[in-house]
Amino acid sequence: MALTEMQLDMRPEWVVIANFDEEQSYQALQSLITQDNPPEAIFI
């Protein structure tokens, strides 16, 4: 809702499902920051 309201990009690769799990989030963070166009900020 926030991204849509402000007309910002909502890229599928910037949404990583980690199932409320600590280890899955560890891996998710690493996958996000190693992308070709990594995010500047993350909401967890």
All heavy atoms as atom14 arrays in JSON, in Angstrom:
{
  "sequence": "MALTEMQLDMRPEWVVIANFDEEQSYQALQSLITQDNPPEAIFI",
  "atom14_mask": [
    [1, 1, 1, 1, 1, 1, 1, 1, 0, 0, 0, 0, 0, 0],
    [1, 1, 1, 1, 1, 0, 0, 0, 0, 0, 0, 0, 0, 0],
    [1, 1, 1, 1, 1, 1, 1, 1, 0, 0, 0, 0, 0, 0],
    [1, 1, 1, 1, 1, 1, 1, 0, 0, 0, 0, 0, 0, 0],
    [1, 1, 1, 1, 1, 1, 1, 1, 1, 0, 0, 0, 0, 0],
    [1, 1, 1, 1, 1, 1, 1, 1, 0, 0, 0, 0, 0, 0],
    [1, 1, 1, 1, 1, 1, 1, 1, 1, 0, 0, 0, 0, 0],
    [1, 1, 1, 1, 1, 1, 1, 1, 0, 0, 0, 0, 0, 0],
    [1, 1, 1, 1, 1, 1, 1, 1, 0, 0, 0, 0, 0, 0],
    [1, 1, 1, 1, 1, 1, 1, 1, 0, 0, 0, 0, 0, 0],
    [1, 1, 1, 1, 1, 1, 1, 1, 1, 1, 1, 0, 0, 0],
    [1, 1, 1, 1, 1, 1, 1, 0, 0, 0, 0, 0, 0, 0],
    [1, 1, 1, 1, 1, 1, 1, 1, 1, 0, 0, 0, 0, 0],
    [1, 1, 1, 1, 1, 1, 1, 1, 1, 1, 1, 1, 1, 1],
    [1, 1, 1, 1, 1, 1, 1, 0, 0, 0, 0, 0, 0, 0],
    [1, 1, 1, 1, 1, 1, 1, 0, 0, 0, 0, 0, 0, 0],
    [1, 1, 1, 1, 1, 1, 1, 1, 0, 0, 0, 0, 0, 0],
    [1, 1, 1, 1, 1, 0, 0, 0, 0, 0, 0, 0, 0, 0],
    [1, 1, 1, 1, 1, 1, 1, 1, 0, 0, 0, 0, 0, 0],
    [1, 1, 1, 1, 1, 1, 1, 1, 1, 1, 1, 0, 0, 0],
    [1, 1, 1, 1, 1, 1, 1, 1, 0, 0, 0, 0, 0, 0],
    [1, 1, 1, 1, 1, 1, 1, 1, 1, 0, 0, 0, 0, 0],
    [1, 1, 1, 1, 1, 1, 1, 1, 1, 0, 0, 0, 0, 0],
    [1, 1, 1, 1, 1, 1, 1, 1, 1, 0, 0, 0, 0, 0],
    [1, 1, 1, 1, 1, 1, 0, 0, 0, 0, 0, 0, 0, 0],
    [1, 1, 1, 1, 1, 1, 1, 1, 1, 1, 1, 1, 0, 0],
    [1, 1, 1, 1, 1, 1, 1, 1, 1, 0, 0, 0, 0, 0],
    [1, 1, 1, 1, 1, 0, 0, 0, 0, 0, 0, 0, 0, 0],
    [1, 1, 1, 1, 1, 1, 1, 1, 0, 0, 0, 0, 0, 0],
    [1, 1, 1, 1, 1, 1, 1, 1, 1, 0, 0, 0, 0, 0],
    [1, 1, 1, 1, 1, 1, 0, 0, 0, 0, 0, 0, 0, 0],
    [1, 1, 1, 1, 1, 1, 1, 1, 0, 0, 0, 0, 0, 0],
    [1, 1, 1, 1, 1, 1, 1, 1, 0, 0, 0, 0, 0, 0],
    [1, 1, 1, 1, 1, 1, 1, 0, 0, 0, 0, 0, 0, 0],
    [1, 1, 1, 1, 1, 1, 1, 1, 1, 0, 0, 0, 0, 0],
    [1, 1, 1, 1, 1, 1, 1, 1, 0, 0, 0, 0, 0, 0],
    [1, 1, 1, 1, 1, 1, 1, 1, 0, 0, 0, 0, 0, 0],
    [1, 1, 1, 1, 1, 1, 1, 0, 0, 0, 0, 0, 0, 0],
    [1, 1, 1, 1, 1, 1, 1, 0, 0, 0, 0, 0, 0, 0],
    [1, 1, 1, 1, 1, 1, 1, 1, 1, 0, 0, 0, 0, 0],
    [1, 1, 1, 1, 1, 0, 0, 0, 0, 0, 0, 0, 0, 0],
    [1, 1, 1, 1, 1, 1, 1, 1, 0, 0, 0, 0, 0, 0],
    [1, 1, 1, 1, 1, 1, 1, 1, 1, 1, 1, 0, 0, 0],
    [1, 1, 1, 1, 1, 1, 1, 1, 0, 0, 0, 0, 0, 0]
  ],
  "atom14_positions": [
    [[0.83, -1.21, 0.0], [0.0, 0.0, 0.0], [0.87, 1.26, 0.0], [0.59, 2.22, -0.73], [-0.92, 0.01, 1.23], [-2.17, -0.83, 1.1], [-3.14, -0.84, 2.63], [-3.35, 0.92, 2.91], [0.0, 0.0, 0.0], [0.0, 0.0, 0.0], [0.0, 0.0, 0.0], [0.0, 0.0, 0.0], [0.0, 0.0, 0.0], [0.0, 0.0, 0.0]],
    [[1.91, 1.26, 0.84], [2.77, 2.44, 0.94], [3.49, 2.7, -0.37], [3.56, 3.85, -0.85], [3.77, 2.26, 2.08], [0.0, 0.0, 0.0], [0.0, 0.0, 0.0], [0.0, 0.0, 0.0], [0.0, 0.0, 0.0], [0.0, 0.0, 0.0], [0.0, 0.0, 0.0], [0.0, 0.0, 0.0], [0.0, 0.0, 0.0], [0.0, 0.0, 0.0]],
    [[4.04, 1.66, -0.99], [4.76, 1.84, -2.25], [3.82, 2.28, -3.37], [4.16, 3.15, -4.18], [5.47, 0.55, -2.64], [6.6, 0.07, -1.73], [7.28, -1.15, -2.32], [7.63, 1.17, -1.48], [0.0, 0.0, 0.0], [0.0, 0.0, 0.0], [0.0, 0.0, 0.0], [0.0, 0.0, 0.0], [0.0, 0.0, 0.0], [0.0, 0.0, 0.0]],
    [[2.63, 1.69, -3.41], [1.66, 2.05, -4.44], [1.24, 3.51, -4.29], [1.15, 4.26, -5.28], [0.43, 1.14, -4.36], [0.83, -0.21, -4.58], [-0.61, 1.53, -5.4], [0.0, 0.0, 0.0], [0.0, 0.0, 0.0], [0.0, 0.0, 0.0], [0.0, 0.0, 0.0], [0.0, 0.0, 0.0], [0.0, 0.0, 0.0], [0.0, 0.0, 0.0]],
    [[0.96, 3.91, -3.07], [0.52, 5.28, -2.81], [1.56, 6.3, -3.24], [1.23, 7.38, -3.75], [0.21, 5.44, -1.33], [-0.38, 6.79, -0.94], [-0.76, 6.83, 0.51], [-1.73, 6.14, 0.89], [-0.1, 7.57, 1.27], [0.0, 0.0, 0.0], [0.0, 0.0, 0.0], [0.0, 0.0, 0.0], [0.0, 0.0, 0.0], [0.0, 0.0, 0.0]],
    [[2.84, 5.97, -3.06], [3.92, 6.9, -3.41], [4.48, 6.64, -4.81], [5.47, 7.24, -5.2], [5.04, 6.8, -2.37], [4.59, 7.13, -0.96], [3.81, 8.76, -0.81], [5.21, 9.82, -1.18], [0.0, 0.0, 0.0], [0.0, 0.0, 0.0], [0.0, 0.0, 0.0], [0.0, 0.0, 0.0], [0.0, 0.0, 0.0], [0.0, 0.0, 0.0]],
    [[3.84, 5.73, -5.55], [4.2, 5.42, -6.93], [5.67, 5.01, -7.08], [6.38, 5.43, -7.99], [3.88, 6.62, -7.84], [2.41, 6.98, -7.86], [2.09, 8.15, -8.78], [2.89, 9.06, -8.96], [0.92, 8.11, -9.4], [0.0, 0.0, 0.0], [0.0, 0.0, 0.0], [0.0, 0.0, 0.0], [0.0, 0.0, 0.0], [0.0, 0.0, 0.0]],
    [[6.1, 4.17, -6.16], [7.46, 3.64, -6.21], [7.48, 2.24, -6.79], [6.47, 1.52, -6.76], [8.07, 3.61, -4.8], [8.31, 4.97, -4.13], [8.89, 4.78, -2.74], [9.22, 5.85, -4.98], [0.0, 0.0, 0.0], [0.0, 0.0, 0.0], [0.0, 0.0, 0.0], [0.0, 0.0, 0.0], [0.0, 0.0, 0.0], [0.0, 0.0, 0.0]],
    [[8.63, 1.83, -7.3], [8.78, 0.5, -7.85], [8.48, -0.55, -6.8], [8.91, -0.44, -5.64], [10.21, 0.28, -8.37], [10.47, 1.01, -9.68], [9.49, 1.44, -10.31], [11.65, 1.16, -10.05], [0.0, 0.0, 0.0], [0.0, 0.0, 0.0], [0.0, 0.0, 0.0], [0.0, 0.0, 0.0], [0.0, 0.0, 0.0], [0.0, 0.0, 0.0]],
    [[7.76, -1.6, -7.22], [7.45, -2.71, -6.34], [7.91, -3.98, -7.06], [7.12, -4.72, -7.63], [5.96, -2.74, -6.03], [5.57, -3.66, -4.9], [3.92, -3.29, -4.21], [2.97, -2.89, -5.67], [0.0, 0.0, 0.0], [0.0, 0.0, 0.0], [0.0, 0.0, 0.0], [0.0, 0.0, 0.0], [0.0, 0.0, 0.0], [0.0, 0.0, 0.0]],
    [[9.2, -4.21, -7.04], [9.78, -5.3, -7.81], [9.57, -6.64, -7.11], [9.8, -6.76, -5.91], [11.28, -5.06, -8.02], [11.57, -3.76, -8.76], [13.0, -3.69, -9.19], [13.27, -2.49, -9.96], [14.38, -2.27, -10.65], [15.33, -3.19, -10.65], [14.55, -1.14, -11.32], [0.0, 0.0, 0.0], [0.0, 0.0, 0.0], [0.0, 0.0, 0.0]],
    [[9.19, -7.67, -7.86], [8.97, -8.99, -7.25], [10.2, -9.51, -6.51], [10.08, -10.17, -5.47], [8.62, -9.88, -8.46], [8.1, -8.93, -9.49], [8.86, -7.66, -9.29], [0.0, 0.0, 0.0], [0.0, 0.0, 0.0], [0.0, 0.0, 0.0], [0.0, 0.0, 0.0], [0.0, 0.0, 0.0], [0.0, 0.0, 0.0], [0.0, 0.0, 0.0]],
    [[11.4, -9.22, -7.05], [12.61, -9.74, -6.41], [12.92, -9.05, -5.08], [13.8, -9.48, -4.33], [13.81, -9.62, -7.36], [14.22, -8.2, -7.72], [13.55, -7.68, -8.98], [12.44, -8.18, -9.31], [14.13, -6.79, -9.63], [0.0, 0.0, 0.0], [0.0, 0.0, 0.0], [0.0, 0.0, 0.0], [0.0, 0.0, 0.0], [0.0, 0.0, 0.0]],
    [[12.23, -7.97, -4.79], [12.42, -7.26, -3.52], [11.46, -7.74, -2.44], [11.47, -7.21, -1.33], [12.26, -5.75, -3.72], [13.41, -5.12, -4.46], [14.61, -5.69, -4.77], [13.45, -3.79, -4.99], [15.41, -4.81, -5.45], [14.72, -3.62, -5.61], [12.55, -2.73, -5.01], [15.11, -2.44, -6.23], [12.94, -1.55, -5.63], [14.19, -1.4, -6.23]],
    [[10.65, -8.73, -2.76], [9.75, -9.33, -1.76], [10.21, -10.77, -1.55], [10.07, -11.62, -2.43], [8.28, -9.31, -2.22], [7.39, -10.03, -1.2], [7.81, -7.87, -2.42], [0.0, 0.0, 0.0], [0.0, 0.0, 0.0], [0.0, 0.0, 0.0], [0.0, 0.0, 0.0], [0.0, 0.0, 0.0], [0.0, 0.0, 0.0], [0.0, 0.0, 0.0]],
    [[10.78, -11.03, -0.37], [11.27, -12.37, -0.05], [10.48, -12.9, 1.15], [10.44, -12.27, 2.21], [12.78, -12.36, 0.28], [13.27, -13.78, 0.53], [13.56, -11.71, -0.86], [0.0, 0.0, 0.0], [0.0, 0.0, 0.0], [0.0, 0.0, 0.0], [0.0, 0.0, 0.0], [0.0, 0.0, 0.0], [0.0, 0.0, 0.0], [0.0, 0.0, 0.0]],
    [[9.86, -14.06, 0.98], [9.06, -14.67, 2.04], [9.98, -15.5, 2.93], [10.65, -16.41, 2.45], [7.94, -15.56, 1.48], [7.13, -14.81, 0.41], [7.04, -16.05, 2.61], [6.46, -13.56, 0.9], [0.0, 0.0, 0.0], [0.0, 0.0, 0.0], [0.0, 0.0, 0.0], [0.0, 0.0, 0.0], [0.0, 0.0, 0.0], [0.0, 0.0, 0.0]],
    [[10.02, -15.17, 4.22], [10.89, -15.9, 5.15], [10.11, -16.58, 6.27], [10.7, -17.09, 7.23], [11.95, -14.97, 5.73], [0.0, 0.0, 0.0], [0.0, 0.0, 0.0], [0.0, 0.0, 0.0], [0.0, 0.0, 0.0], [0.0, 0.0, 0.0], [0.0, 0.0, 0.0], [0.0, 0.0, 0.0], [0.0, 0.0, 0.0], [0.0, 0.0, 0.0]],
    [[8.77, -16.59, 6.17], [7.92, -17.41, 7.04], [8.12, -17.17, 8.54], [8.0, -18.1, 9.34], [8.1, -18.9, 6.71], [7.62, -19.23, 5.31], [6.53, -18.84, 4.92], [8.47, -19.9, 4.54], [0.0, 0.0, 0.0], [0.0, 0.0, 0.0], [0.0, 0.0, 0.0], [0.0, 0.0, 0.0], [0.0, 0.0, 0.0], [0.0, 0.0, 0.0]],
    [[8.45, -15.93, 8.9], [8.65, -15.57, 10.32], [9.76, -16.4, 10.96], [9.76, -16.63, 12.17], [7.35, -15.75, 11.13], [6.25, -14.8, 10.73], [4.99, -15.28, 10.42], [6.47, -13.44, 10.66], [3.97, -14.41, 10.05], [5.46, -12.56, 10.29], [4.21, -13.05, 9.99], [0.0, 0.0, 0.0], [0.0, 0.0, 0.0], [0.0, 0.0, 0.0]],
    [[10.72, -16.84, 10.16], [11.77, -17.73, 10.63], [13.12, -17.01, 10.6], [13.49, -16.39, 9.59], [11.82, -18.99, 9.76], [12.89, -19.96, 10.2], [12.65, -20.7, 11.16], [13.97, -19.95, 9.58], [0.0, 0.0, 0.0], [0.0, 0.0, 0.0], [0.0, 0.0, 0.0], [0.0, 0.0, 0.0], [0.0, 0.0, 0.0], [0.0, 0.0, 0.0]],
    [[13.89, -17.12, 11.67], [15.16, -16.42, 11.78], [16.17, -16.86, 10.73], [16.82, -16.04, 10.08], [15.75, -16.64, 13.18], [17.06, -15.93, 13.41], [17.61, -16.14, 14.81], [16.82, -16.43, 15.73], [18.85, -16.04, 14.99], [0.0, 0.0, 0.0], [0.0, 0.0, 0.0], [0.0, 0.0, 0.0], [0.0, 0.0, 0.0], [0.0, 0.0, 0.0]],
    [[16.3, -18.17, 10.53], [17.28, -18.66, 9.57], [16.9, -18.31, 8.14], [17.76, -17.96, 7.32], [17.46, -20.18, 9.72], [18.22, -20.59, 10.96], [19.6, -19.94, 11.03], [20.29, -19.88, 9.99], [19.98, -19.49, 12.13], [0.0, 0.0, 0.0], [0.0, 0.0, 0.0], [0.0, 0.0, 0.0], [0.0, 0.0, 0.0], [0.0, 0.0, 0.0]],
    [[15.62, -18.4, 7.82], [15.19, -18.03, 6.47], [15.41, -16.54, 6.23], [15.75, -16.13, 5.11], [13.71, -18.38, 6.27], [13.44, -19.88, 6.19], [12.0, -20.19, 5.84], [11.42, -19.56, 4.96], [11.42, -21.16, 6.52], [0.0, 0.0, 0.0], [0.0, 0.0, 0.0], [0.0, 0.0, 0.0], [0.0, 0.0, 0.0], [0.0, 0.0, 0.0]],
    [[15.26, -15.73, 7.26], [15.51, -14.3, 7.12], [16.99, -14.02, 6.91], [17.36, -13.12, 6.14], [15.0, -13.55, 8.35], [15.24, -12.17, 8.23], [0.0, 0.0, 0.0], [0.0, 0.0, 0.0], [0.0, 0.0, 0.0], [0.0, 0.0, 0.0], [0.0, 0.0, 0.0], [0.0, 0.0, 0.0], [0.0, 0.0, 0.0], [0.0, 0.0, 0.0]],
    [[17.84, -14.77, 7.58], [19.3, -14.65, 7.4], [19.64, -14.84, 5.92], [20.37, -14.04, 5.32], [20.0, -15.69, 8.25], [21.5, -15.7, 8.16], [22.28, -15.01, 9.08], [22.15, -16.43, 7.16], [23.67, -15.03, 9.01], [23.53, -16.45, 7.07], [24.3, -15.75, 8.0], [25.66, -15.77, 7.92], [0.0, 0.0, 0.0], [0.0, 0.0, 0.0]],
    [[19.08, -15.88, 5.32], [19.33, -16.16, 3.91], [18.68, -15.11, 3.01], [19.24, -14.72, 1.98], [18.82, -17.56, 3.57], [19.54, -18.67, 4.33], [18.84, -20.0, 4.23], [17.93, -20.19, 3.42], [19.24, -20.94, 5.08], [0.0, 0.0, 0.0], [0.0, 0.0, 0.0], [0.0, 0.0, 0.0], [0.0, 0.0, 0.0], [0.0, 0.0, 0.0]],
    [[17.5, -14.64, 3.41], [16.79, -13.64, 2.61], [17.59, -12.34, 2.53], [17.69, -11.72, 1.46], [15.41, -13.37, 3.21], [0.0, 0.0, 0.0], [0.0, 0.0, 0.0], [0.0, 0.0, 0.0], [0.0, 0.0, 0.0], [0.0, 0.0, 0.0], [0.0, 0.0, 0.0], [0.0, 0.0, 0.0], [0.0, 0.0, 0.0], [0.0, 0.0, 0.0]],
    [[18.16, -11.92, 3.64], [18.94, -10.68, 3.66], [20.13, -10.79, 2.71], [20.43, -9.89, 1.93], [19.38, -10.37, 5.08], [20.06, -9.03, 5.43], [21.49, -8.94, 4.95], [19.23, -7.86, 4.93], [0.0, 0.0, 0.0], [0.0, 0.0, 0.0], [0.0, 0.0, 0.0], [0.0, 0.0, 0.0], [0.0, 0.0, 0.0], [0.0, 0.0, 0.0]],
    [[20.81, -11.93, 2.77], [21.96, -12.13, 1.9], [21.56, -12.12, 0.42], [22.26, -11.56, -0.42], [22.67, -13.43, 2.25], [23.36, -13.39, 3.62], [24.16, -14.65, 3.9], [23.76, -15.74, 3.52], [25.29, -14.5, 4.58], [0.0, 0.0, 0.0], [0.0, 0.0, 0.0], [0.0, 0.0, 0.0], [0.0, 0.0, 0.0], [0.0, 0.0, 0.0]],
    [[20.41, -12.73, 0.12], [19.97, -12.75, -1.29], [19.59, -11.36, -1.77], [19.83, -11.02, -2.94], [18.77, -13.7, -1.45], [17.6, -13.16, -0.87], [0.0, 0.0, 0.0], [0.0, 0.0, 0.0], [0.0, 0.0, 0.0], [0.0, 0.0, 0.0], [0.0, 0.0, 0.0], [0.0, 0.0, 0.0], [0.0, 0.0, 0.0], [0.0, 0.0, 0.0]],
    [[19.05, -10.52, -0.9], [18.64, -9.17, -1.29], [19.84, -8.27, -1.58], [19.86, -7.53, -2.56], [17.77, -8.55, -0.2], [16.32, -9.05, -0.12], [15.65, -8.59, 1.17], [15.51, -8.57, -1.33], [0.0, 0.0, 0.0], [0.0, 0.0, 0.0], [0.0, 0.0, 0.0], [0.0, 0.0, 0.0], [0.0, 0.0, 0.0], [0.0, 0.0, 0.0]],
    [[20.85, -8.33, -0.72], [21.96, -7.4, -0.87], [22.94, -7.82, -1.97], [23.81, -7.03, -2.36], [22.72, -7.21, 0.45], [23.34, -8.52, 0.92], [21.81, -6.62, 1.52], [24.21, -8.36, 2.16], [0.0, 0.0, 0.0], [0.0, 0.0, 0.0], [0.0, 0.0, 0.0], [0.0, 0.0, 0.0], [0.0, 0.0, 0.0], [0.0, 0.0, 0.0]],
    [[22.8, -9.04, -2.48], [23.69, -9.49, -3.56], [23.03, -9.38, -4.94], [23.6, -9.83, -5.94], [24.13, -10.94, -3.32], [22.98, -11.78, -3.17], [25.01, -11.05, -2.08], [0.0, 0.0, 0.0], [0.0, 0.0, 0.0], [0.0, 0.0, 0.0], [0.0, 0.0, 0.0], [0.0, 0.0, 0.0], [0.0, 0.0, 0.0], [0.0, 0.0, 0.0]],
    [[21.85, -8.8, -5.01], [21.19, -8.59, -6.3], [21.92, -7.53, -7.11], [22.64, -6.69, -6.57], [19.72, -8.17, -6.08], [18.85, -9.25, -5.49], [17.42, -8.78, -5.25], [17.04, -7.68, -5.64], [16.61, -9.64, -4.63], [0.0, 0.0, 0.0], [0.0, 0.0, 0.0], [0.0, 0.0, 0.0], [0.0, 0.0, 0.0], [0.0, 0.0, 0.0]],
    [[21.71, -7.54, -8.42], [22.34, -6.54, -9.29], [21.89, -5.13, -8.95], [22.66, -4.18, -9.06], [22.01, -6.85, -10.77], [22.67, -8.13, -11.26], [23.69, -8.53, -10.64], [22.16, -8.73, -12.22], [0.0, 0.0, 0.0], [0.0, 0.0, 0.0], [0.0, 0.0, 0.0], [0.0, 0.0, 0.0], [0.0, 0.0, 0.0], [0.0, 0.0, 0.0]],
    [[20.62, -5.0, -8.55], [20.08, -3.7, -8.15], [19.53, -3.83, -6.73], [18.31, -3.9, -6.53], [18.97, -3.27, -9.13], [18.47, -1.87, -8.83], [19.2, -1.04, -8.3], [17.2, -1.62, -9.16], [0.0, 0.0, 0.0], [0.0, 0.0, 0.0], [0.0, 0.0, 0.0], [0.0, 0.0, 0.0], [0.0, 0.0, 0.0], [0.0, 0.0, 0.0]],
    [[20.42, -3.87, -5.74], [19.98, -4.15, -4.36], [19.15, -3.01, -3.78], [19.27, -1.86, -4.2], [21.29, -4.32, -3.61], [22.27, -3.5, -4.37], [21.88, -3.62, -5.8], [0.0, 0.0, 0.0], [0.0, 0.0, 0.0], [0.0, 0.0, 0.0], [0.0, 0.0, 0.0], [0.0, 0.0, 0.0], [0.0, 0.0, 0.0], [0.0, 0.0, 0.0]],
    [[18.31, -3.33, -2.8], [17.51, -2.29, -2.16], [18.37, -1.38, -1.28], [19.46, -1.76, -0.84], [16.52, -3.08, -1.32], [17.2, -4.38, -1.04], [18.03, -4.67, -2.25], [0.0, 0.0, 0.0], [0.0, 0.0, 0.0], [0.0, 0.0, 0.0], [0.0, 0.0, 0.0], [0.0, 0.0, 0.0], [0.0, 0.0, 0.0], [0.0, 0.0, 0.0]],
    [[17.83, -0.18, -1.03], [18.47, 0.76, -0.1], [17.95, 0.58, 1.32], [18.62, 0.96, 2.28], [18.16, 2.2, -0.51], [18.53, 2.58, -1.93], [17.93, 3.91, -2.28], [16.69, 4.06, -2.24], [18.72, 4.83, -2.6], [0.0, 0.0, 0.0], [0.0, 0.0, 0.0], [0.0, 0.0, 0.0], [0.0, 0.0, 0.0], [0.0, 0.0, 0.0]],
    [[16.75, 0.03, 1.44], [16.11, -0.12, 2.75], [15.26, -1.39, 2.74], [14.79, -1.83, 1.68], [15.23, 1.09, 3.05], [0.0, 0.0, 0.0], [0.0, 0.0, 0.0], [0.0, 0.0, 0.0], [0.0, 0.0, 0.0], [0.0, 0.0, 0.0], [0.0, 0.0, 0.0], [0.0, 0.0, 0.0], [0.0, 0.0, 0.0], [0.0, 0.0, 0.0]],
    [[15.09, -1.97, 3.92], [14.3, -3.2, 4.04], [13.34, -3.08, 5.22], [13.75, -2.69, 6.33], [15.2, -4.44, 4.23], [16.16, -4.6, 3.06], [14.34, -5.7, 4.39], [17.13, -5.77, 3.22], [0.0, 0.0, 0.0], [0.0, 0.0, 0.0], [0.0, 0.0, 0.0], [0.0, 0.0, 0.0], [0.0, 0.0, 0.0], [0.0, 0.0, 0.0]],
    [[12.09, -3.44, 4.98], [11.1, -3.58, 6.04], [11.0, -5.06, 6.38], [10.75, -5.89, 5.51], [9.74, -3.04, 5.61], [8.62, -3.44, 6.53], [8.6, -3.0, 7.85], [7.61, -4.28, 6.09], [7.59, -3.39, 8.71], [6.58, -4.66, 6.94], [6.57, -4.22, 8.25], [0.0, 0.0, 0.0], [0.0, 0.0, 0.0], [0.0, 0.0, 0.0]],
    [[11.2, -5.39, 7.67], [11.21, -6.79, 8.12], [9.97, -7.04, 8.96], [9.66, -6.27, 9.88], [12.48, -7.08, 8.94], [13.72, -6.67, 8.14], [12.56, -8.56, 9.31], [15.0, -6.67, 8.95], [0.0, 0.0, 0.0], [0.0, 0.0, 0.0], [0.0, 0.0, 0.0], [0.0, 0.0, 0.0], [0.0, 0.0, 0.0], [0.0, 0.0, 0.0]]
  ]
}
